[in-house]
Amino acid sequence: MQPVAMPGVTVTCLWPGPSALGECPIWDHRCGRLYWIDSLGRRIWFREASGAVDGWDLPGTIGSIGLCRGGGLIAAVDNRVGRVDGVTGAFVAQSDPLPLAPGLRLNDGKVDRAGRFWCGSMNTGFDAATAELFRFEADLSWHRVDCGFVVSNGIAISPDDRTFYFSDSRSDRSFAYDFDLATGDLTNRRGFVETSAYAGRIDGATVDRAGNYWGALFDGWAVGCFDPDGRLLRRIELPVRCPTMCAWGGAGLDRLYVTSATFLLSDEEKASQPLAGGLFEITGLGVTGLPEPEFGADGSGAGTVP
């Protein structure tokens, strides 16, 4: 199936950065604040409803963040998971699933609607399938769920909480699992999208309210929208080679926010892509997303789409 052209879609750079490795945009629907990170720059950025931008420095490479119940964030920093104070930005590490794993760090992460944090690791040399997928409970105890990956990415969960998506972006493979929200169990891993068929590979991802999967196509100058069977429906071109992750936000959850990176670009490429490393907003898509879940939530209403 050929992707559908979309007249009326607008791509705007909200913040030019640049980030070395922008990642993990998250819309905080409680206060209208948009978070994102510069993973290699070790900084969490946020944009207030007024448009003002500020941020916090963290003590290590940031893999991912998520909202916490009661305020603040959960964050994966180097090999540790902990909490970030929502006022001061102070990070307190509380869990360490990689104490004896040289060459690994935590990477992509996402909170599910039962209040758990899912986070995968990555092989920093990109040379071996030594990365794993972890599940963190409300007390930050952790469980190793799957293994045999190079770089964990693309985590997203279907609106009905029955399908868990995951991408090993360095091997051009994306997977779908059967997901049990009540227990956190993943079963029946199967192929979802073979990204070698497209320009770019799936990095960070999200789902829309209809159940389609949106993935940033790193090295592909675009965001792709895939149906639940893995067929490419839409391709939204961007002015940067390396988009990294996308997330829904705005008051109507109808805006797609996309981060990007510069760390792989030559000086010539940076000059020709002046917005590389920036934060983008895509409007006019005609679809909406879902509110971001909060880590540590009690699970009431879990499994329902508001």
Protein backbone atom coordinates (compact mmCIF):
# COMPACT_ATOMS: atom_id res chain seq x y z
CA MET A 1 0.00 0.00 0.00
CA GLN A 2 1.31 3.43 -0.93
CA PRO A 3 1.35 6.06 1.82
CA VAL A 4 -1.40 8.68 1.52
CA ALA A 5 -0.46 12.24 0.62
CA MET A 6 -1.82 14.71 3.16
CA PRO A 7 -2.62 18.24 1.99
CA GLY A 8 -3.07 20.66 4.86
CA VAL A 9 -0.43 19.09 7.08
CA THR A 10 1.95 21.67 8.55
CA VAL A 11 5.38 21.06 10.08
CA THR A 12 6.65 23.82 12.38
CA CYS A 13 9.91 24.02 14.30
CA LEU A 14 9.00 25.04 17.86
CA TRP A 15 12.55 25.06 19.18
CA PRO A 16 15.67 24.99 16.97
CA GLY A 17 17.99 23.60 19.61
CA PRO A 18 20.10 21.96 18.59
CA SER A 19 20.05 18.80 20.69
CA ALA A 20 22.80 16.27 20.08
CA LEU A 21 20.22 13.51 20.59
CA GLY A 22 16.73 14.87 21.16
CA GLU A 23 14.33 12.19 22.39
CA CYS A 24 11.18 11.39 24.34
CA PRO A 25 8.70 14.26 23.84
CA ILE A 26 5.94 13.98 26.46
CA TRP A 27 2.87 16.17 26.78
CA ASP A 28 1.84 16.72 30.39
CA HIS A 29 -1.92 17.11 29.97
CA ARG A 30 -2.23 18.16 33.61
CA CYS A 31 -0.50 21.50 33.12
CA GLY A 32 0.08 21.96 29.38
CA ARG A 33 3.84 21.51 29.64
CA LEU A 34 5.79 19.70 26.91
CA TYR A 35 8.89 17.77 28.00
CA TRP A 36 11.69 16.34 25.88
CA ILE A 37 15.32 15.39 26.45
CA ASP A 38 18.76 15.82 24.97
CA SER A 39 19.98 12.34 25.78
CA LEU A 40 23.68 12.92 25.09
CA GLY A 41 23.49 16.50 26.37
CA ARG A 42 22.22 15.10 29.71
CA ARG A 43 19.37 17.59 29.90
CA ILE A 44 15.60 17.52 30.28
CA TRP A 45 13.94 20.39 28.44
CA PHE A 46 10.40 21.67 28.90
CA ARG A 47 8.20 24.18 27.12
CA GLU A 48 5.50 25.93 29.10
CA ALA A 49 2.06 26.82 27.76
CA SER A 50 3.37 30.39 27.38
CA GLY A 51 6.06 29.16 24.98
CA ALA A 52 8.91 29.74 27.46
CA VAL A 53 11.59 27.03 27.36
CA ASP A 54 13.74 25.93 30.31
CA GLY A 55 15.42 22.76 31.49
CA TRP A 56 17.35 20.72 34.04
CA ASP A 57 20.74 19.07 33.85
CA LEU A 58 20.94 15.43 34.94
CA PRO A 59 23.98 13.45 36.13
CA GLY A 60 24.24 11.07 33.17
CA THR A 61 23.07 10.09 29.70
CA ILE A 62 19.26 10.13 29.68
CA GLY A 63 17.53 7.26 27.91
CA SER A 64 13.89 8.22 28.47
CA ILE A 65 11.39 9.88 30.78
CA GLY A 66 7.73 9.47 31.77
CA LEU A 67 5.14 11.27 33.86
CA CYS A 68 4.76 10.32 37.54
CA ARG A 69 1.56 10.27 39.52
CA GLY A 70 1.53 13.26 41.85
CA GLY A 71 4.03 15.23 39.76
CA GLY A 72 7.58 14.96 38.55
CA LEU A 73 9.04 12.39 36.19
CA ILE A 74 10.47 8.92 36.09
CA ALA A 75 13.76 8.77 34.17
CA ALA A 76 16.27 6.24 32.90
CA VAL A 77 19.77 7.67 33.37
CA ASP A 78 22.80 5.58 32.35
CA ASN A 79 22.03 2.20 33.97
CA ARG A 80 19.67 3.52 36.67
CA VAL A 81 15.98 4.36 36.93
CA GLY A 82 14.82 7.03 39.37
CA ARG A 83 12.61 10.03 39.91
CA VAL A 84 13.02 13.65 38.83
CA ASP A 85 11.57 16.37 41.06
CA GLY A 86 9.05 18.40 39.06
CA VAL A 87 10.19 21.70 40.58
CA THR A 88 13.95 21.46 41.00
CA GLY A 89 14.83 18.77 38.47
CA ALA A 90 16.82 16.84 41.09
CA PHE A 91 17.31 13.18 40.13
CA VAL A 92 17.21 10.42 42.75
CA ALA A 93 18.24 6.99 41.45
CA GLN A 94 16.19 4.14 42.90
CA SER A 95 16.73 1.06 40.72
CA ASP A 96 19.74 -0.39 38.86
CA PRO A 97 19.04 -3.29 36.47
CA LEU A 98 22.47 -3.12 34.77
CA PRO A 99 25.10 -3.21 37.54
CA LEU A 100 27.41 -5.68 35.77
CA ALA A 101 26.84 -4.85 32.13
CA PRO A 102 29.69 -2.91 30.48
CA GLY A 103 28.79 -1.46 27.11
CA LEU A 104 25.09 -1.14 27.95
CA ARG A 105 22.85 1.71 29.05
CA LEU A 106 19.11 2.23 29.36
CA ASN A 107 17.34 3.75 26.37
CA ASP A 108 13.72 4.01 25.18
CA GLY A 109 10.96 3.88 27.81
CA LYS A 110 7.20 4.26 28.17
CA VAL A 111 4.63 4.14 31.00
CA ASP A 112 1.66 1.80 30.55
CA ARG A 113 -1.92 2.42 31.72
CA ALA A 114 -1.42 0.28 34.83
CA GLY A 115 1.32 2.68 35.96
CA ARG A 116 4.38 0.56 35.12
CA PHE A 117 7.49 1.86 33.36
CA TRP A 118 8.83 -0.19 30.45
CA CYS A 119 12.42 0.49 29.47
CA GLY A 120 14.90 -1.22 27.18
CA SER A 121 18.68 -1.12 27.17
CA MET A 122 21.05 -0.59 24.24
CA ASN A 123 24.48 -1.80 23.21
CA THR A 124 26.46 1.42 23.03
CA GLY A 125 28.88 -0.01 20.46
CA PHE A 126 26.01 -1.18 18.24
CA ASP A 127 27.96 -4.41 17.73
CA ALA A 128 26.12 -7.17 19.62
CA ALA A 129 22.58 -8.23 20.51
CA THR A 130 23.12 -7.85 24.26
CA ALA A 131 20.29 -5.42 25.07
CA GLU A 132 17.18 -6.33 27.04
CA LEU A 133 13.66 -5.14 27.79
CA PHE A 134 12.69 -4.44 31.42
CA ARG A 135 9.47 -3.76 33.30
CA PHE A 136 9.55 -1.54 36.40
CA GLU A 137 6.73 -1.75 38.94
CA ALA A 138 5.45 1.11 41.10
CA ASP A 139 8.08 0.35 43.78
CA LEU A 140 10.77 0.38 41.01
CA SER A 141 11.43 -3.33 41.41
CA TRP A 142 12.33 -4.63 37.97
CA HIS A 143 11.73 -7.68 35.81
CA ARG A 144 13.70 -8.76 32.75
CA VAL A 145 11.05 -9.42 30.08
CA ASP A 146 12.93 -10.16 26.82
CA CYS A 147 16.46 -10.08 25.43
CA GLY A 148 18.59 -10.43 22.31
CA PHE A 149 18.41 -6.86 20.97
CA VAL A 150 20.98 -4.28 19.86
CA VAL A 151 19.14 -1.00 20.54
CA SER A 152 15.74 -0.93 22.28
CA ASN A 153 13.31 1.56 20.73
CA GLY A 154 9.79 2.04 19.46
CA ILE A 155 7.89 1.15 22.65
CA ALA A 156 4.15 1.82 22.36
CA ILE A 157 0.95 0.13 23.53
CA SER A 158 -2.30 -0.19 21.57
CA PRO A 159 -5.33 1.76 22.85
CA ASP A 160 -7.05 -1.46 23.93
CA ASP A 161 -3.94 -2.51 25.89
CA ARG A 162 -3.74 -5.84 24.08
CA THR A 163 -0.69 -5.22 21.86
CA PHE A 164 2.78 -4.09 22.90
CA TYR A 165 5.08 -2.71 20.19
CA PHE A 166 8.87 -2.71 20.31
CA SER A 167 11.67 -1.94 17.84
CA ASP A 168 15.26 -3.13 17.66
CA SER A 169 16.24 -0.14 15.58
CA ARG A 170 19.80 -1.21 14.76
CA SER A 171 18.64 -4.49 13.26
CA ASP A 172 15.73 -2.95 11.30
CA ARG A 173 13.22 -5.16 13.11
CA SER A 174 10.02 -4.16 14.86
CA PHE A 175 7.88 -6.55 16.86
CA ALA A 176 4.41 -6.88 18.30
CA TYR A 177 3.55 -8.90 21.41
CA ASP A 178 0.29 -9.96 22.99
CA PHE A 179 0.02 -7.85 26.14
CA ASP A 180 -1.78 -8.57 29.41
CA LEU A 181 -2.19 -5.23 31.17
CA ALA A 182 -3.27 -6.82 34.46
CA THR A 183 -0.13 -8.94 34.83
CA GLY A 184 2.35 -7.13 32.60
CA ASP A 185 3.06 -10.34 30.67
CA LEU A 186 4.23 -10.24 27.04
CA THR A 187 3.69 -13.33 24.84
CA ASN A 188 3.64 -14.32 21.18
CA ARG A 189 6.44 -12.08 19.88
CA ARG A 190 6.08 -11.68 16.13
CA GLY A 191 7.33 -9.45 13.34
CA PHE A 192 5.50 -6.17 12.92
CA VAL A 193 7.34 -3.82 10.53
CA GLU A 194 10.41 -4.72 8.48
CA THR A 195 11.96 -1.26 8.29
CA SER A 196 14.63 -2.25 5.77
CA ALA A 197 11.80 -1.85 3.22
CA TYR A 198 11.63 1.91 3.96
CA ALA A 199 14.01 4.83 4.11
CA GLY A 200 15.00 5.14 7.76
CA ARG A 201 14.43 2.86 10.73
CA ILE A 202 11.88 3.12 13.53
CA ASP A 203 13.23 4.97 16.54
CA GLY A 204 10.76 6.35 19.12
CA ALA A 205 7.06 5.76 18.55
CA THR A 206 3.50 6.26 19.75
CA VAL A 207 -0.04 5.20 18.80
CA ASP A 208 -3.08 7.26 17.87
CA ARG A 209 -6.60 6.83 19.21
CA ALA A 210 -7.56 4.67 16.21
CA GLY A 211 -4.76 2.21 16.97
CA ASN A 212 -2.27 3.17 14.26
CA TYR A 213 1.42 3.21 15.12
CA TRP A 214 3.51 6.33 14.45
CA GLY A 215 7.29 5.94 14.35
CA ALA A 216 10.09 8.45 13.81
CA LEU A 217 12.11 7.17 10.83
CA PHE A 218 15.67 7.86 11.92
CA ASP A 219 17.96 8.46 8.94
CA GLY A 220 14.80 8.67 6.82
CA TRP A 221 13.73 12.34 6.96
CA ALA A 222 10.17 11.45 8.03
CA VAL A 223 7.59 10.10 10.45
CA GLY A 224 5.70 7.01 9.31
CA CYS A 225 2.20 5.91 10.27
CA PHE A 226 1.59 2.14 10.19
CA ASP A 227 -1.67 0.27 10.65
CA PRO A 228 -1.92 -2.58 13.22
CA ASP A 229 -0.85 -5.03 10.50
CA GLY A 230 2.37 -3.10 9.87
CA ARG A 231 1.35 -1.52 6.55
CA LEU A 232 2.61 2.00 5.88
CA LEU A 233 -0.36 4.37 5.64
CA ARG A 234 1.26 7.79 5.78
CA ARG A 235 4.70 9.33 5.53
CA ILE A 236 5.21 12.89 6.77
CA GLU A 237 8.39 14.44 5.43
CA LEU A 238 10.58 16.49 7.77
CA PRO A 239 13.41 18.97 7.07
CA VAL A 240 15.89 16.87 9.07
CA ARG A 241 17.55 13.54 8.34
CA CYS A 242 17.36 12.11 11.87
CA PRO A 243 13.98 12.43 13.60
CA THR A 244 14.08 10.40 16.81
CA MET A 245 10.69 10.14 18.54
CA CYS A 246 7.11 11.36 18.28
CA ALA A 247 4.28 11.91 20.76
CA TRP A 248 0.79 13.41 20.75
CA GLY A 249 0.01 16.59 22.63
CA GLY A 250 -1.78 19.90 22.67
CA ALA A 251 -5.10 20.58 24.36
CA GLY A 252 -6.92 18.34 21.88
CA LEU A 253 -4.11 15.77 21.65
CA ASP A 254 -4.14 16.46 17.91
CA ARG A 255 -0.56 17.72 17.51
CA LEU A 256 2.35 15.38 16.88
CA TYR A 257 5.59 16.51 18.52
CA VAL A 258 8.84 15.18 17.05
CA THR A 259 12.41 15.41 18.34
CA SER A 260 15.56 15.08 16.23
CA ALA A 261 19.33 14.58 16.47
CA THR A 262 22.61 15.95 15.15
CA PHE A 263 25.18 13.54 16.59
CA LEU A 264 25.61 11.56 13.35
CA LEU A 265 25.71 14.58 11.03
CA SER A 266 28.84 15.94 9.40
CA ASP A 267 29.58 19.67 9.54
CA GLU A 268 28.35 19.94 5.95
CA GLU A 269 25.08 18.19 6.83
CA LYS A 270 24.54 20.42 9.84
CA ALA A 271 25.01 23.47 7.64
CA SER A 272 22.48 22.17 5.11
CA GLN A 273 19.99 21.17 7.85
CA PRO A 274 19.85 24.24 10.11
CA LEU A 275 16.89 22.82 12.07
CA ALA A 276 18.56 19.48 12.82
CA GLY A 277 18.37 18.75 16.53
CA GLY A 278 15.22 20.83 16.83
CA LEU A 279 11.74 20.10 18.19
CA PHE A 280 8.90 20.00 15.65
CA GLU A 281 5.12 20.21 15.80
CA ILE A 282 2.97 18.58 13.09
CA THR A 283 -0.63 19.78 12.73
CA GLY A 284 -3.48 19.02 10.35
CA LEU A 285 -3.15 15.23 10.59
CA GLY A 286 -6.85 14.73 11.29
CA VAL A 287 -6.26 12.21 14.09
CA THR A 288 -5.74 12.39 17.84
CA GLY A 289 -3.66 10.59 20.41
CA LEU A 290 -4.15 9.47 24.00
CA PRO A 291 -3.13 11.09 27.30
CA GLU A 292 0.23 9.93 28.63
CA PRO A 293 -0.20 7.49 31.55
CA GLU A 294 1.46 8.23 34.91
CA PHE A 295 3.97 5.98 36.62
CA GLY A 296 2.75 4.60 39.93
CA ALA A 297 -0.93 5.08 39.13
CA ASP A 298 -3.30 2.76 40.95
CA GLY A 299 -4.61 1.28 37.72
CA SER A 300 -8.21 2.41 38.20
CA GLY A 301 -9.62 2.80 34.72
CA ALA A 302 -6.69 0.86 33.25
CA GLY A 303 -7.46 -0.63 29.90
CA THR A 304 -9.95 2.06 28.97
CA VAL A 305 -9.52 4.79 26.39
CA PRO A 306 -10.75 8.12 27.77
